[in-house]
């Protein structure tokens, strides 16, 4: 990983990096799509829709299905997501230790996620992580274009008053890695979420990650090496 420019800010994606939500969200989406007549597996939903905004997901579903979704689909999906997150969601194993180490090193951090603000509040609160980042939590709803465009990461860097070249992004999706690269930021691929199966690390590397880590302890070691002296 390049270290020519000091790291002034670590930007975390949320789903699949901080909270292990992707398996839950993909299962809920697949079940509801199947119910309305568009057969989908949880694995298929993961492959197709990970890392992009919910409006982009729904638009892609309609394009693939060739018809509009039912008018109440979004409300039903959100209700099921919320119930499942409250019942099942956990932080990614080891994330608290990584955040503790960043705080001890004086490294600044924030969240930049494709999730809507209300979803971020729910998932980070349920997992006990909201207060570790608030108020520095940024959603794609705040910018014109979501990942894979760079808008969200550039917005987060500007809000934190840190140059893009001094930001280090932690991402678990191809869309997020491409967005970070387009923003001129360094990016670590994280393959430690519950949705990351065989070949996932290679997919992140192919998307442009400088390096890919398999779990939080490995991420912690890289971040420690990037910390200011």
Protein backbone atom coordinates (compact mmCIF):
# COMPACT_ATOMS: atom_id res chain seq x y z
CA UNK A 1 0.00 0.00 0.00
CA UNK A 2 1.29 3.45 -0.92
CA UNK A 3 2.32 5.66 1.98
CA UNK A 4 3.80 8.67 0.23
CA UNK A 5 0.95 10.89 1.42
CA UNK A 6 0.11 10.76 5.11
CA UNK A 7 -3.29 9.41 6.10
CA UNK A 8 -5.40 12.21 7.51
CA UNK A 9 -8.75 10.42 7.42
CA UNK A 10 -10.01 6.84 7.32
CA UNK A 11 -13.35 6.57 5.53
CA UNK A 12 -15.35 3.43 6.29
CA UNK A 13 -18.14 2.02 4.23
CA UNK A 14 -20.88 0.75 6.54
CA UNK A 15 -22.64 -2.36 5.22
CA UNK A 16 -20.24 -5.29 5.06
CA UNK A 17 -17.40 -3.35 6.69
CA UNK A 18 -18.70 -2.04 10.01
CA UNK A 19 -21.94 -4.01 10.28
CA UNK A 20 -22.57 -7.49 8.90
CA UNK A 21 -25.77 -6.51 7.13
CA UNK A 22 -25.26 -7.72 3.56
CA UNK A 23 -26.36 -11.35 4.13
CA UNK A 24 -29.49 -10.13 5.92
CA UNK A 25 -30.42 -7.44 3.40
CA UNK A 26 -29.81 -9.71 0.43
CA UNK A 27 -31.96 -12.46 1.91
CA UNK A 28 -34.80 -10.06 2.67
CA UNK A 29 -34.66 -8.53 -0.82
CA UNK A 30 -34.49 -11.93 -2.53
CA UNK A 31 -37.44 -13.27 -0.52
CA UNK A 32 -39.62 -10.27 -1.36
CA UNK A 33 -38.69 -10.31 -5.05
CA UNK A 34 -39.49 -14.00 -5.21
CA UNK A 35 -42.88 -13.38 -3.57
CA UNK A 36 -43.88 -10.84 -6.22
CA UNK A 37 -42.88 -13.12 -9.10
CA UNK A 38 -39.23 -12.27 -9.80
CA UNK A 39 -37.40 -15.37 -8.53
CA UNK A 40 -34.16 -14.44 -6.79
CA UNK A 41 -31.72 -16.11 -4.42
CA UNK A 42 -29.85 -14.32 -1.67
CA UNK A 43 -26.63 -15.08 -3.53
CA UNK A 44 -28.04 -13.58 -6.71
CA UNK A 45 -29.07 -10.43 -4.87
CA UNK A 46 -25.57 -10.12 -3.41
CA UNK A 47 -23.94 -10.48 -6.82
CA UNK A 48 -26.23 -7.97 -8.50
CA UNK A 49 -26.88 -5.24 -5.97
CA UNK A 50 -24.12 -4.98 -3.35
CA UNK A 51 -22.65 -1.53 -2.82
CA UNK A 52 -25.17 0.66 -4.65
CA UNK A 53 -28.00 2.84 -3.38
CA UNK A 54 -31.48 1.45 -2.83
CA UNK A 55 -32.99 3.60 -5.62
CA UNK A 56 -30.33 2.22 -7.96
CA UNK A 57 -31.15 -1.32 -6.82
CA UNK A 58 -34.86 -0.84 -7.53
CA UNK A 59 -34.15 0.69 -10.94
CA UNK A 60 -31.90 -2.23 -11.81
CA UNK A 61 -34.53 -4.74 -10.69
CA UNK A 62 -37.16 -3.08 -12.88
CA UNK A 63 -34.79 -3.10 -15.84
CA UNK A 64 -33.97 -6.79 -15.36
CA UNK A 65 -37.59 -7.79 -14.71
CA UNK A 66 -38.97 -5.68 -17.52
CA UNK A 67 -41.81 -4.23 -15.48
CA UNK A 68 -42.36 -1.74 -12.65
CA UNK A 69 -42.27 -2.93 -9.08
CA UNK A 70 -45.50 -2.78 -7.04
CA UNK A 71 -46.17 0.62 -5.54
CA UNK A 72 -45.84 -0.68 -2.00
CA UNK A 73 -42.62 -2.62 -2.66
CA UNK A 74 -40.27 -0.06 -1.13
CA UNK A 75 -42.33 0.30 2.04
CA UNK A 76 -42.56 -3.47 2.44
CA UNK A 77 -38.83 -3.88 1.87
CA UNK A 78 -37.90 -1.21 4.40
CA UNK A 79 -40.22 -2.66 7.03
CA UNK A 80 -38.76 -6.14 6.61
CA UNK A 81 -35.19 -4.82 6.62
CA UNK A 82 -35.79 -2.92 9.84
CA UNK A 83 -37.32 -5.93 11.58
CA UNK A 84 -34.50 -8.22 10.46
CA UNK A 85 -31.77 -5.75 11.44
CA UNK A 86 -33.26 -5.26 14.89
CA UNK A 87 -33.46 -9.00 15.42
CA UNK A 88 -30.23 -10.20 13.82
CA UNK A 89 -27.69 -7.52 12.98
CA UNK A 90 -24.22 -7.68 14.53
CA UNK A 91 -21.06 -5.60 14.08
CA UNK A 92 -18.37 -7.17 11.93
CA UNK A 93 -16.18 -9.20 14.32
CA UNK A 94 -13.19 -7.26 15.58
CA UNK A 95 -14.37 -3.81 14.47
CA UNK A 96 -14.45 -2.35 17.99
CA UNK A 97 -10.77 -3.14 18.54
CA UNK A 98 -9.86 -1.48 15.23
CA UNK A 99 -11.81 1.66 16.15
CA UNK A 100 -10.22 1.71 19.61
CA UNK A 101 -6.78 1.57 18.02
CA UNK A 102 -7.60 4.41 15.61
CA UNK A 103 -8.83 6.56 18.48
CA UNK A 104 -5.72 5.80 20.51
CA UNK A 105 -3.53 6.79 17.54
CA UNK A 106 -5.48 10.01 17.03
CA UNK A 107 -6.56 9.04 13.51
CA UNK A 108 -9.71 10.74 12.25
CA UNK A 109 -12.48 8.57 10.85
CA UNK A 110 -15.93 8.80 9.29
CA UNK A 111 -18.56 6.72 7.53
CA UNK A 112 -19.56 7.14 3.87
CA UNK A 113 -22.31 4.73 2.85
CA UNK A 114 -24.77 4.10 0.05
CA UNK A 115 -27.39 3.55 2.75
CA UNK A 116 -30.08 6.11 3.47
CA UNK A 117 -29.62 8.24 6.61
CA UNK A 118 -32.41 6.46 8.50
CA UNK A 119 -30.91 3.06 7.67
CA UNK A 120 -27.48 4.19 8.83
CA UNK A 121 -28.90 5.42 12.12
CA UNK A 122 -30.67 2.10 12.68
CA UNK A 123 -27.82 -0.24 11.77
CA UNK A 124 -25.10 1.71 13.56
CA UNK A 125 -27.25 2.20 16.64
CA UNK A 126 -28.33 -1.45 16.86
CA UNK A 127 -24.68 -2.52 16.69
CA UNK A 128 -23.46 0.10 19.18
CA UNK A 129 -21.35 1.98 16.62
CA UNK A 130 -23.32 5.19 16.10
CA UNK A 131 -21.55 7.11 18.86
CA UNK A 132 -18.17 5.97 17.54
CA UNK A 133 -18.68 8.09 14.41
CA UNK A 134 -21.47 10.64 14.90
CA UNK A 135 -21.78 13.28 13.59
CA UNK A 136 -19.34 12.24 10.86
CA UNK A 137 -21.70 9.87 9.05
CA UNK A 138 -22.38 10.59 5.38
CA UNK A 139 -24.98 9.07 3.08
CA UNK A 140 -25.25 8.89 -0.69
CA UNK A 141 -28.60 10.65 -0.23
CA UNK A 142 -26.54 13.82 0.35
CA UNK A 143 -24.93 13.83 -3.10
CA UNK A 144 -26.16 13.81 -6.72
CA UNK A 145 -24.67 10.42 -7.58
CA UNK A 146 -23.92 7.36 -5.49
CA UNK A 147 -21.13 4.82 -5.85
CA UNK A 148 -19.40 4.00 -8.23
CA UNK A 149 -19.19 7.76 -8.80
CA UNK A 150 -16.82 9.66 -6.47
CA UNK A 151 -19.35 12.21 -5.19
CA UNK A 152 -19.92 10.68 -1.75
CA UNK A 153 -16.26 10.23 -0.87
CA UNK A 154 -15.42 13.73 -2.07
CA UNK A 155 -18.31 15.08 0.01
CA UNK A 156 -17.04 13.27 3.12
CA UNK A 157 -13.49 14.53 2.60
CA UNK A 158 -14.70 18.10 2.13
CA UNK A 159 -16.90 17.90 5.21
CA UNK A 160 -13.92 16.65 7.23
CA UNK A 161 -11.60 19.25 5.63
CA UNK A 162 -9.10 16.61 4.48
CA UNK A 163 -7.61 16.48 0.95
CA UNK A 164 -8.68 13.50 -1.11
CA UNK A 165 -5.11 12.25 -1.46
CA UNK A 166 -4.82 12.04 2.34
CA UNK A 167 -7.93 9.82 2.67
CA UNK A 168 -7.84 6.05 3.02
CA UNK A 169 -11.09 4.23 2.23
CA UNK A 170 -12.15 0.81 3.52
CA UNK A 171 -14.64 -0.80 1.12
CA UNK A 172 -16.21 -4.20 0.50
CA UNK A 173 -17.79 -3.66 -2.92
CA UNK A 174 -16.60 -3.12 -6.46
CA UNK A 175 -18.77 -0.01 -6.73
CA UNK A 176 -17.24 1.46 -3.59
CA UNK A 177 -13.67 0.71 -4.65
CA UNK A 178 -14.25 2.30 -8.04
CA UNK A 179 -15.76 5.35 -6.34
CA UNK A 180 -12.75 5.75 -4.06
CA UNK A 181 -10.31 5.42 -6.94
CA UNK A 182 -12.31 7.95 -8.97
CA UNK A 183 -12.07 10.33 -6.00
CA UNK A 184 -8.27 10.05 -6.02
CA UNK A 185 -8.17 8.18 -2.71
CA UNK A 186 -6.32 5.09 -1.57
CA UNK A 187 -8.60 2.14 -0.90
CA UNK A 188 -8.36 -1.12 1.03
CA UNK A 189 -10.67 -3.94 -0.01
CA UNK A 190 -12.32 -5.65 2.97
CA UNK A 191 -13.29 -9.30 2.51
CA UNK A 192 -14.21 -10.04 6.11
CA UNK A 193 -17.99 -9.67 5.97
CA UNK A 194 -20.35 -12.60 6.20
CA UNK A 195 -21.20 -12.28 2.51
CA UNK A 196 -17.61 -12.63 1.26
CA UNK A 197 -17.22 -16.09 -0.22
CA UNK A 198 -14.53 -17.71 -2.37
CA UNK A 199 -13.24 -15.37 -5.03
CA UNK A 200 -14.48 -12.26 -3.24
CA UNK A 201 -10.99 -10.95 -2.49
CA UNK A 202 -10.02 -11.36 -6.13
CA UNK A 203 -13.08 -9.39 -7.20
CA UNK A 204 -12.10 -6.51 -4.91
CA UNK A 205 -8.53 -6.56 -6.21
CA UNK A 206 -9.80 -6.55 -9.79
CA UNK A 207 -11.98 -3.53 -9.00
CA UNK A 208 -8.85 -1.59 -8.03
CA UNK A 209 -8.17 -2.09 -4.32
CA UNK A 210 -4.51 -1.47 -3.47
CA UNK A 211 -4.64 -4.38 -1.10
CA UNK A 212 -7.33 -6.71 0.23
CA UNK A 213 -7.62 -7.88 3.83
CA UNK A 214 -9.50 -10.98 5.02
CA UNK A 215 -10.59 -9.76 8.45
CA UNK A 216 -10.49 -6.95 11.01
CA UNK A 217 -7.17 -7.90 12.65
CA UNK A 218 -5.46 -7.66 9.26
CA UNK A 219 -7.17 -4.33 8.60
CA UNK A 220 -6.03 -3.07 12.00
CA UNK A 221 -2.42 -3.88 11.20
CA UNK A 222 -2.58 -1.96 7.91
CA UNK A 223 -4.20 1.04 9.55
CA UNK A 224 -1.61 1.02 12.32
CA UNK A 225 1.11 1.16 9.68
CA UNK A 226 -0.63 4.14 8.06
CA UNK A 227 -1.00 6.07 11.30
CA UNK A 228 0.98 9.30 11.65
CA UNK A 229 4.24 8.88 13.53
